[in-house]
């Protein structure tokens, strides 16, 4: 059944999800905080900055007025950087006139509070105004979804009915959605894999091969699982789509901003140069700090995360850090 859906965030992923929703017959309004971008989508049916090759359906409406985007929406999808989630949720909450399904497709942890995105949304949007919060996550590059490449992701929520609503809303013959009740594991897997992707990019930038990348991803997944389980996640979630699946796609593709950022670091660029060059948010950089602090708080060993933190925040040399990781005391894999 067709629904009225507001997609908040007209970056590459928000635009790609809007395309899927429209193709499935839904009434889609895409919100951008830039009026010029909204005009481009409405009149040219393109979003050249984020998806240069995509042609958007004329039925996808865009607006720079958030109240217009969410008016009468049955489902609201947040697809904005983690650092903006709380502010936008505070804006949305008083505008809601009925309980709405709240979805987010962002991947990160809030700085200082270290909270997951669903926790932020639940804090800022009163229970009386939301049916449930659902996290939409998994191995998915916007560039590939926009050209209808095969993609499989997860809709996670403690509310099984809401997760099924989101599954039905997005699923079609090239975009498959599974449900999952472990929203803690799904969100943490999605956020923490970005850290490992920065490391994978750095390895390639330095000229290391597949052996090194496989080791980093495998031991990185062990770190992700340790931290996730400490916060109540199901360990099995981390070998699923939002864990291992998302880790693989983010650590092995030039589509990944986190991989590209790491690759530039490995090539000798400074963090400042990397961020200026990217022009888009690199979630893994802020998430590294949050995860490093959480690991300290929980007394959980996360040597790869700690090493990447040293590179990003203390200016450590990437090659020296890799040597120090390889020379750590021998341990059992278990």
Protein backbone atom coordinates (compact mmCIF):
# COMPACT_ATOMS: atom_id res chain seq x y z
CA UNK A 1 0.00 0.00 0.00
CA UNK A 2 1.32 3.43 -0.95
CA UNK A 3 2.42 5.69 1.91
CA UNK A 4 3.41 9.31 2.23
CA UNK A 5 7.10 9.32 3.15
CA UNK A 6 9.41 12.19 4.08
CA UNK A 7 13.12 11.59 3.48
CA UNK A 8 15.20 14.04 5.49
CA UNK A 9 18.57 14.49 3.85
CA UNK A 10 19.27 14.85 0.12
CA UNK A 11 22.79 13.46 0.10
CA UNK A 12 23.67 10.40 -1.98
CA UNK A 13 22.04 7.84 0.33
CA UNK A 14 18.93 9.89 1.05
CA UNK A 15 18.43 10.46 -2.68
CA UNK A 16 18.94 6.78 -3.53
CA UNK A 17 16.42 5.71 -0.88
CA UNK A 18 13.94 8.28 -2.18
CA UNK A 19 14.34 6.70 -5.63
CA UNK A 20 13.55 3.24 -4.23
CA UNK A 21 10.52 4.53 -2.33
CA UNK A 22 9.15 6.35 -5.38
CA UNK A 23 9.63 3.34 -7.62
CA UNK A 24 7.62 1.30 -5.11
CA UNK A 25 4.69 3.68 -5.61
CA UNK A 26 5.04 5.85 -2.53
CA UNK A 27 4.45 9.61 -2.31
CA UNK A 28 7.97 10.88 -1.53
CA UNK A 29 9.11 14.30 -0.39
CA UNK A 30 12.87 14.82 -0.07
CA UNK A 31 14.11 17.51 2.32
CA UNK A 32 17.34 19.41 1.78
CA UNK A 33 18.59 22.25 3.96
CA UNK A 34 19.72 23.93 0.73
CA UNK A 35 17.03 25.64 -1.38
CA UNK A 36 19.26 25.51 -4.47
CA UNK A 37 19.57 21.74 -4.21
CA UNK A 38 15.81 21.33 -3.75
CA UNK A 39 15.23 23.45 -6.87
CA UNK A 40 17.65 21.29 -8.87
CA UNK A 41 15.80 18.14 -7.87
CA UNK A 42 12.39 19.65 -8.67
CA UNK A 43 13.21 21.30 -11.99
CA UNK A 44 16.13 19.30 -13.40
CA UNK A 45 15.44 15.97 -11.68
CA UNK A 46 19.12 15.59 -10.85
CA UNK A 47 21.35 15.78 -7.79
CA UNK A 48 24.70 16.31 -9.48
CA UNK A 49 26.80 16.91 -6.38
CA UNK A 50 25.89 13.61 -4.74
CA UNK A 51 24.72 11.29 -7.55
CA UNK A 52 26.14 12.79 -10.75
CA UNK A 53 24.75 10.16 -13.13
CA UNK A 54 21.30 9.68 -11.64
CA UNK A 55 18.07 10.91 -13.18
CA UNK A 56 15.34 11.26 -10.57
CA UNK A 57 11.67 10.54 -11.24
CA UNK A 58 9.54 13.66 -11.65
CA UNK A 59 7.32 12.34 -8.84
CA UNK A 60 10.07 12.91 -6.26
CA UNK A 61 9.36 16.32 -4.78
CA UNK A 62 11.99 18.26 -2.88
CA UNK A 63 11.75 21.12 -0.43
CA UNK A 64 14.03 23.13 1.83
CA UNK A 65 11.16 23.62 4.31
CA UNK A 66 11.09 20.77 6.79
CA UNK A 67 7.49 21.43 7.85
CA UNK A 68 6.40 20.96 4.23
CA UNK A 69 8.40 17.73 3.91
CA UNK A 70 6.84 16.03 6.94
CA UNK A 71 3.27 17.34 6.58
CA UNK A 72 0.91 14.32 6.77
CA UNK A 73 3.87 11.91 6.44
CA UNK A 74 3.18 8.38 7.68
CA UNK A 75 6.89 7.52 7.71
CA UNK A 76 9.87 9.84 8.25
CA UNK A 77 13.32 8.65 7.18
CA UNK A 78 16.35 10.45 8.68
CA UNK A 79 19.33 10.23 6.32
CA UNK A 80 21.59 12.98 7.66
CA UNK A 81 24.99 13.04 9.37
CA UNK A 82 24.97 11.80 12.95
CA UNK A 83 26.05 15.19 14.29
CA UNK A 84 22.83 16.75 12.93
CA UNK A 85 20.36 14.08 14.09
CA UNK A 86 19.51 15.63 17.47
CA UNK A 87 19.02 19.14 16.11
CA UNK A 88 16.79 17.99 13.26
CA UNK A 89 14.79 15.68 15.55
CA UNK A 90 14.17 18.62 17.89
CA UNK A 91 12.81 20.57 14.92
CA UNK A 92 10.62 17.70 13.73
CA UNK A 93 9.07 16.72 17.07
CA UNK A 94 6.73 19.71 17.62
CA UNK A 95 5.57 19.52 14.00
CA UNK A 96 4.24 15.96 14.29
CA UNK A 97 0.48 15.70 14.69
CA UNK A 98 0.14 11.92 14.91
CA UNK A 99 2.25 8.89 15.86
CA UNK A 100 4.66 8.30 12.98
CA UNK A 101 7.07 5.52 12.05
CA UNK A 102 10.56 7.01 12.47
CA UNK A 103 13.30 5.42 10.38
CA UNK A 104 16.98 6.29 10.21
CA UNK A 105 19.56 5.20 7.68
CA UNK A 106 22.55 7.02 9.21
CA UNK A 107 25.61 5.29 10.67
CA UNK A 108 27.44 6.78 13.62
CA UNK A 109 27.59 7.56 17.33
CA UNK A 110 26.94 10.94 18.90
CA UNK A 111 30.02 12.71 20.21
CA UNK A 112 30.28 13.23 23.98
CA UNK A 113 27.14 11.19 24.83
CA UNK A 114 28.26 8.23 22.63
CA UNK A 115 24.59 7.43 22.05
CA UNK A 116 23.24 5.42 19.15
CA UNK A 117 20.98 7.24 16.69
CA UNK A 118 17.81 5.45 17.80
CA UNK A 119 18.50 6.58 21.36
CA UNK A 120 18.79 10.20 20.22
CA UNK A 121 15.55 9.97 18.25
CA UNK A 122 13.71 8.42 21.19
CA UNK A 123 14.95 11.19 23.46
CA UNK A 124 13.91 14.02 21.15
CA UNK A 125 10.66 12.68 19.67
CA UNK A 126 8.07 11.97 22.40
CA UNK A 127 6.64 8.46 22.58
CA UNK A 128 3.18 9.87 21.89
CA UNK A 129 4.40 11.11 18.48
CA UNK A 130 6.19 8.00 17.25
CA UNK A 131 4.98 4.49 16.56
CA UNK A 132 8.52 3.11 16.69
CA UNK A 133 12.11 3.78 15.67
CA UNK A 134 13.59 1.56 12.95
CA UNK A 135 17.24 1.43 11.82
CA UNK A 136 17.76 0.69 8.13
CA UNK A 137 21.28 -0.60 7.60
CA UNK A 138 23.51 -2.98 5.69
CA UNK A 139 25.98 -3.26 2.79
CA UNK A 140 24.71 -0.55 0.47
CA UNK A 141 26.44 2.01 -1.71
CA UNK A 142 24.07 4.73 -2.88
CA UNK A 143 25.74 4.78 -6.30
CA UNK A 144 24.80 1.13 -6.85
CA UNK A 145 21.27 1.38 -5.45
CA UNK A 146 20.63 4.33 -7.80
CA UNK A 147 21.33 2.09 -10.82
CA UNK A 148 19.29 -0.79 -9.35
CA UNK A 149 22.21 -3.05 -8.54
CA UNK A 150 21.23 -5.92 -6.24
CA UNK A 151 21.26 -4.79 -2.59
CA UNK A 152 20.23 -6.50 0.65
CA UNK A 153 19.89 -4.70 3.98
CA UNK A 154 18.20 -4.94 7.39
CA UNK A 155 15.32 -3.09 9.06
CA UNK A 156 15.95 -3.35 12.81
CA UNK A 157 13.59 -2.42 15.62
CA UNK A 158 12.34 -3.69 18.96
CA UNK A 159 8.90 -3.20 17.39
CA UNK A 160 8.49 -6.11 14.99
CA UNK A 161 5.39 -4.63 13.34
CA UNK A 162 7.20 -1.38 12.51
CA UNK A 163 10.20 -3.27 11.11
CA UNK A 164 7.80 -5.18 8.84
CA UNK A 165 6.21 -1.90 7.69
CA UNK A 166 9.66 -0.63 6.68
CA UNK A 167 10.50 -3.93 5.01
CA UNK A 168 7.34 -3.74 2.89
CA UNK A 169 7.93 -0.07 2.12
CA UNK A 170 11.39 -0.54 0.61
CA UNK A 171 11.51 -4.09 -0.73
CA UNK A 172 11.43 -4.80 -4.46
CA UNK A 173 13.19 -7.00 -7.02
CA UNK A 174 16.61 -5.33 -6.59
CA UNK A 175 16.36 -4.04 -3.00
CA UNK A 176 15.78 -6.84 -0.48
CA UNK A 177 15.10 -6.06 3.19
CA UNK A 178 15.29 -8.43 6.15
CA UNK A 179 13.95 -7.64 9.62
CA UNK A 180 15.92 -7.87 12.86
CA UNK A 181 14.99 -7.15 16.49
CA UNK A 182 18.58 -6.40 17.60
CA UNK A 183 18.71 -2.67 16.94
CA UNK A 184 21.69 -2.28 19.30
CA UNK A 185 23.81 -4.69 17.27
CA UNK A 186 22.66 -3.33 13.93
CA UNK A 187 23.44 0.28 14.86
CA UNK A 188 26.79 -0.50 16.45
CA UNK A 189 27.87 -2.70 13.55
CA UNK A 190 26.94 0.05 11.11
CA UNK A 191 28.83 2.73 13.03
CA UNK A 192 31.95 0.84 14.05
CA UNK A 193 32.75 -0.71 10.66
CA UNK A 194 33.52 2.81 9.41
CA UNK A 195 36.55 2.88 11.71
CA UNK A 196 37.90 -0.32 10.20
CA UNK A 197 37.23 1.04 6.70
CA UNK A 198 39.49 4.02 7.42
CA UNK A 199 42.20 1.52 8.37
CA UNK A 200 41.59 -0.59 5.26
CA UNK A 201 41.97 2.46 3.05
CA UNK A 202 45.18 3.44 4.82
CA UNK A 203 46.64 -0.04 4.28
CA UNK A 204 45.95 0.15 0.56
CA UNK A 205 47.33 3.68 0.40
CA UNK A 206 50.55 2.39 1.90
CA UNK A 207 50.73 -0.41 -0.67
CA UNK A 208 49.81 -3.40 1.50
CA UNK A 209 47.92 -6.25 -0.14
CA UNK A 210 45.01 -8.59 0.42
CA UNK A 211 46.57 -10.49 3.32
CA UNK A 212 46.80 -7.31 5.37
CA UNK A 213 43.27 -6.23 4.47
CA UNK A 214 41.81 -9.62 5.40
CA UNK A 215 43.61 -9.55 8.75
CA UNK A 216 42.40 -6.03 9.49
CA UNK A 217 38.79 -6.84 8.65
CA UNK A 218 38.75 -10.08 10.62
CA UNK A 219 40.35 -8.65 13.75
CA UNK A 220 38.32 -5.47 13.31
CA UNK A 221 35.13 -7.53 13.36
CA UNK A 222 36.29 -9.12 16.62
CA UNK A 223 36.64 -5.64 18.15
CA UNK A 224 33.23 -4.55 16.89
CA UNK A 225 31.66 -7.69 18.38
CA UNK A 226 33.36 -7.24 21.76
CA UNK A 227 32.11 -3.71 22.17
CA UNK A 228 28.65 -4.51 20.83
CA UNK A 229 28.11 -7.46 23.16
CA UNK A 230 29.17 -5.30 26.12
CA UNK A 231 26.23 -3.04 25.30
CA UNK A 232 23.72 -5.88 24.99
CA UNK A 233 23.93 -6.77 21.29
CA UNK A 234 23.42 -10.31 20.02
CA UNK A 235 26.85 -11.56 18.83
CA UNK A 236 25.19 -13.25 15.85
CA UNK A 237 24.17 -9.83 14.49
CA UNK A 238 27.81 -9.07 13.72
CA UNK A 239 28.09 -11.91 11.20
CA UNK A 240 24.96 -10.63 9.44
CA UNK A 241 24.26 -7.92 6.90
CA UNK A 242 24.80 -4.95 9.20
CA UNK A 243 27.98 -6.45 10.63
CA UNK A 244 30.16 -8.54 8.34
CA UNK A 245 28.22 -7.54 5.23
CA UNK A 246 28.60 -3.82 5.78
CA UNK A 247 32.21 -4.29 6.86
CA UNK A 248 33.10 -6.03 3.59
CA UNK A 249 31.48 -3.47 1.33
CA UNK A 250 32.90 -0.48 3.22
CA UNK A 251 36.44 -1.84 3.47
CA UNK A 252 36.78 -2.89 -0.16
CA UNK A 253 35.25 -0.16 -2.29
CA UNK A 254 36.24 3.24 -3.61
CA UNK A 255 32.58 4.23 -3.17
CA UNK A 256 33.21 4.32 0.60
CA UNK A 257 34.09 7.80 1.93
CA UNK A 258 35.73 6.18 4.96
CA UNK A 259 37.92 3.98 2.75
CA UNK A 260 38.84 6.94 0.55
CA UNK A 261 39.72 9.05 3.60
CA UNK A 262 41.97 6.28 4.92
CA UNK A 263 43.53 5.82 1.49
CA UNK A 264 44.50 9.50 1.39
CA UNK A 265 45.98 9.24 4.89
CA UNK A 266 48.01 6.23 3.77
CA UNK A 267 49.26 8.26 0.80
CA UNK A 268 50.61 10.87 3.20
CA UNK A 269 47.85 13.50 3.25
CA UNK A 270 47.07 15.21 6.54
CA UNK A 271 43.64 14.79 8.13
CA UNK A 272 42.90 18.45 7.34
CA UNK A 273 43.72 17.87 3.66
CA UNK A 274 41.57 14.74 3.61
CA UNK A 275 38.50 16.47 5.05
CA UNK A 276 38.86 19.47 2.75
CA UNK A 277 39.16 17.20 -0.26
CA UNK A 278 36.21 14.96 0.60
CA UNK A 279 33.60 17.70 0.80
CA UNK A 280 31.23 15.29 2.59
CA UNK A 281 30.98 13.94 6.11
CA UNK A 282 33.31 11.02 6.90
CA UNK A 283 31.46 9.34 9.77
CA UNK A 284 34.34 7.03 10.67
CA UNK A 285 36.51 9.89 11.92
CA UNK A 286 34.11 11.05 14.63
CA UNK A 287 33.06 7.46 15.37
CA UNK A 288 36.68 6.51 16.06
CA UNK A 289 36.78 9.00 18.92
CA UNK A 290 33.45 7.83 20.35
CA UNK A 291 34.40 4.15 20.13
CA UNK A 292 37.84 4.77 21.65
CA UNK A 293 36.22 6.53 24.61
CA UNK A 294 33.57 3.82 25.00
CA UNK A 295 36.23 1.09 24.98
CA UNK A 296 38.12 2.92 27.73
CA UNK A 297 34.93 3.31 29.73
CA UNK A 298 34.03 -0.40 29.42
CA UNK A 299 37.67 -1.56 29.70
CA UNK A 300 37.41 -3.41 26.39
CA UNK A 301 40.51 -4.08 24.34
CA UNK A 302 40.22 -2.51 20.86
CA UNK A 303 43.80 -2.19 19.57
CA UNK A 304 42.90 -1.39 15.95
CA UNK A 305 40.46 1.32 17.01
CA UNK A 306 43.05 2.72 19.43
CA UNK A 307 45.68 2.74 16.68
CA UNK A 308 43.42 4.60 14.24
CA UNK A 309 42.53 7.04 17.03
CA UNK A 310 46.24 7.78 17.48
CA UNK A 311 46.62 8.53 13.77
CA UNK A 312 43.51 10.72 13.54
CA UNK A 313 43.68 12.60 16.83
CA UNK A 314 47.32 12.52 17.93
CA UNK A 315 49.06 12.73 14.56
CA UNK A 316 50.78 9.35 14.82
CA UNK A 317 52.58 8.05 11.74
CA UNK A 318 50.47 5.41 9.97
CA UNK A 319 53.38 3.08 9.16
CA UNK A 320 54.72 3.24 12.73
CA UNK A 321 51.26 2.41 14.08
CA UNK A 322 50.98 -0.65 11.80
CA UNK A 323 54.36 -1.93 13.01
CA UNK A 324 53.30 -1.46 16.63
CA UNK A 325 50.12 -3.48 16.01
CA UNK A 326 52.05 -6.32 14.38
CA UNK A 327 54.58 -6.44 17.27
CA UNK A 328 52.00 -6.73 20.04
CA UNK A 329 52.46 -9.69 22.37
CA UNK A 330 51.32 -13.02 20.95
CA UNK A 331 47.79 -14.07 21.96
CA UNK A 332 45.19 -16.75 21.37
CA UNK A 333 42.77 -15.89 18.58
CA UNK A 334 39.87 -16.88 20.85
